[in-house]
Amino acid sequence: MSEVKFYGADWCIDCRRSKALLNAEGVEFDMKDVAESAELADEAEAIAGRKNIPVIQFADGLVLVEPSDADLRVALTERGLI
């Protein structure tokens, strides 16, 4: 299982940006498409406390909601993922 869970949707610009950063850095993640499943959308909202996506959850419990590229890069670096 991956260190990173990614809740998002293809139509979401912020999701596409964050996914592009993860892919460019070679970070493996479990994609959870909230557009395909109401259960996944509910799960993302429960984790984030709001409906915004992407929701990026790390194995150590850190959750980022709509992170900037800089914030996502810091979180990945601090966890030794990049």
C-alpha atoms as a PDB file:
ATOM      1  CA  MET A   1       0.000   0.000   0.000  1.00  0.00           C
ATOM      2  CA  SER A   2       1.146   3.508  -0.780  1.00  0.00           C
ATOM      3  CA  GLU A   3       2.279   6.110   1.750  1.00  0.00           C
ATOM      4  CA  VAL A   4      -0.068   8.604   0.102  1.00  0.00           C
ATOM      5  CA  LYS A   5      -3.832   8.546  -0.495  1.00  0.00           C
ATOM      6  CA  PHE A   6      -5.083  11.057  -3.027  1.00  0.00           C
ATOM      7  CA  TYR A   7      -8.775  11.963  -3.070  1.00  0.00           C
ATOM      8  CA  GLY A   8      -9.625  13.949  -6.163  1.00  0.00           C
ATOM      9  CA  ALA A   9     -11.353  14.079  -9.533  1.00  0.00           C
ATOM     10  CA  ASP A  10     -10.220  14.480 -13.140  1.00  0.00           C
ATOM     11  CA  TRP A  11     -12.299  17.657 -13.600  1.00  0.00           C
ATOM     12  CA  CYS A  12     -10.544  19.390 -10.668  1.00  0.00           C
ATOM     13  CA  ILE A  13      -7.755  21.757 -11.743  1.00  0.00           C
ATOM     14  CA  ASP A  14      -6.055  21.689  -8.317  1.00  0.00           C
ATOM     15  CA  CYS A  15      -6.188  17.881  -8.363  1.00  0.00           C
ATOM     16  CA  ARG A  16      -4.539  17.746 -11.777  1.00  0.00           C
ATOM     17  CA  ARG A  17      -1.801  20.127 -10.593  1.00  0.00           C
ATOM     18  CA  SER A  18      -1.070  18.124  -7.431  1.00  0.00           C
ATOM     19  CA  LYS A  19      -1.138  14.816  -9.332  1.00  0.00           C
ATOM     20  CA  ALA A  20       1.287  16.231 -11.893  1.00  0.00           C
ATOM     21  CA  LEU A  21       3.710  17.157  -9.096  1.00  0.00           C
ATOM     22  CA  LEU A  22       3.454  13.692  -7.517  1.00  0.00           C
ATOM     23  CA  ASN A  23       3.988  12.024 -10.897  1.00  0.00           C
ATOM     24  CA  ALA A  24       6.916  14.300 -11.799  1.00  0.00           C
ATOM     25  CA  GLU A  25       8.596  13.439  -8.490  1.00  0.00           C
ATOM     26  CA  GLY A  26       7.919   9.711  -8.915  1.00  0.00           C
ATOM     27  CA  VAL A  27       5.766   9.485  -5.793  1.00  0.00           C
ATOM     28  CA  GLU A  28       3.416   6.505  -5.732  1.00  0.00           C
ATOM     29  CA  PHE A  29      -0.088   7.237  -4.482  1.00  0.00           C
ATOM     30  CA  ASP A  30      -3.458   5.546  -4.189  1.00  0.00           C
ATOM     31  CA  MET A  31      -5.895   7.501  -6.355  1.00  0.00           C
ATOM     32  CA  LYS A  32      -9.402   7.677  -4.956  1.00  0.00           C
ATOM     33  CA  ASP A  33     -11.714   9.269  -7.520  1.00  0.00           C
ATOM     34  CA  VAL A  34     -14.464  11.052  -5.610  1.00  0.00           C
ATOM     35  CA  ALA A  35     -16.415  11.630  -8.838  1.00  0.00           C
ATOM     36  CA  GLU A  36     -16.876   7.881  -9.283  1.00  0.00           C
ATOM     37  CA  SER A  37     -18.013   7.068  -5.758  1.00  0.00           C
ATOM     38  CA  ALA A  38     -20.193   8.883  -3.225  1.00  0.00           C
ATOM     39  CA  GLU A  39     -18.544   6.764  -0.534  1.00  0.00           C
ATOM     40  CA  LEU A  40     -15.090   8.077  -1.486  1.00  0.00           C
ATOM     41  CA  ALA A  41     -16.431  11.642  -1.571  1.00  0.00           C
ATOM     42  CA  ASP A  42     -17.856  11.155   1.932  1.00  0.00           C
ATOM     43  CA  GLU A  43     -14.566   9.621   3.093  1.00  0.00           C
ATOM     44  CA  ALA A  44     -12.596  12.604   1.763  1.00  0.00           C
ATOM     45  CA  GLU A  45     -14.977  15.046   3.448  1.00  0.00           C
ATOM     46  CA  ALA A  46     -14.718  13.178   6.757  1.00  0.00           C
ATOM     47  CA  ILE A  47     -10.906  13.304   6.605  1.00  0.00           C
ATOM     48  CA  ALA A  48     -10.710  16.954   5.542  1.00  0.00           C
ATOM     49  CA  GLY A  49     -13.666  18.339   7.446  1.00  0.00           C
ATOM     50  CA  ARG A  50     -14.859  20.056   4.257  1.00  0.00           C
ATOM     51  CA  LYS A  51     -15.785  19.224   0.677  1.00  0.00           C
ATOM     52  CA  ASN A  52     -12.709  20.732  -1.049  1.00  0.00           C
ATOM     53  CA  ILE A  53     -10.386  18.517  -3.098  1.00  0.00           C
ATOM     54  CA  PRO A  54      -7.750  17.349  -3.493  1.00  0.00           C
ATOM     55  CA  VAL A  55      -7.393  15.760  -0.096  1.00  0.00           C
ATOM     56  CA  ILE A  56      -3.949  14.210   0.282  1.00  0.00           C
ATOM     57  CA  GLN A  57      -3.469  11.931   3.275  1.00  0.00           C
ATOM     58  CA  PHE A  58      -0.078  10.620   4.344  1.00  0.00           C
ATOM     59  CA  ALA A  59       0.568   7.391   6.248  1.00  0.00           C
ATOM     60  CA  ASP A  60       1.670   9.369   9.320  1.00  0.00           C
ATOM     61  CA  GLY A  61      -1.725  11.090   9.482  1.00  0.00           C
ATOM     62  CA  LEU A  62      -0.901  14.451   7.891  1.00  0.00           C
ATOM     63  CA  VAL A  63      -3.737  15.700   5.696  1.00  0.00           C
ATOM     64  CA  LEU A  64      -3.368  18.436   3.098  1.00  0.00           C
ATOM     65  CA  VAL A  65      -6.441  20.000   1.484  1.00  0.00           C
ATOM     66  CA  GLU A  66      -5.943  21.954  -1.736  1.00  0.00           C
ATOM     67  CA  PRO A  67      -2.210  22.338  -1.045  1.00  0.00           C
ATOM     68  CA  SER A  68       0.020  24.652  -3.014  1.00  0.00           C
ATOM     69  CA  ASP A  69       2.822  22.939  -4.891  1.00  0.00           C
ATOM     70  CA  ALA A  70       5.267  24.380  -2.347  1.00  0.00           C
ATOM     71  CA  ASP A  71       3.326  22.961   0.625  1.00  0.00           C
ATOM     72  CA  LEU A  72       2.975  19.557  -1.033  1.00  0.00           C
ATOM     73  CA  ARG A  73       6.681  19.491  -1.869  1.00  0.00           C
ATOM     74  CA  VAL A  74       7.578  20.327   1.771  1.00  0.00           C
ATOM     75  CA  ALA A  75       5.332  17.533   3.076  1.00  0.00           C
ATOM     76  CA  LEU A  76       6.850  15.040   0.635  1.00  0.00           C
ATOM     77  CA  THR A  77      10.397  16.114   1.494  1.00  0.00           C
ATOM     78  CA  GLU A  78       9.796  15.956   5.262  1.00  0.00           C
ATOM     79  CA  ARG A  79       8.567  12.373   4.861  1.00  0.00           C
ATOM     80  CA  GLY A  80      11.498  11.322   2.685  1.00  0.00           C
ATOM     81  CA  LEU A  81       9.268  10.650  -0.299  1.00  0.00           C
ATOM     82  CA  ILE A  82      11.290  12.946  -2.563  1.00  0.00           C
END
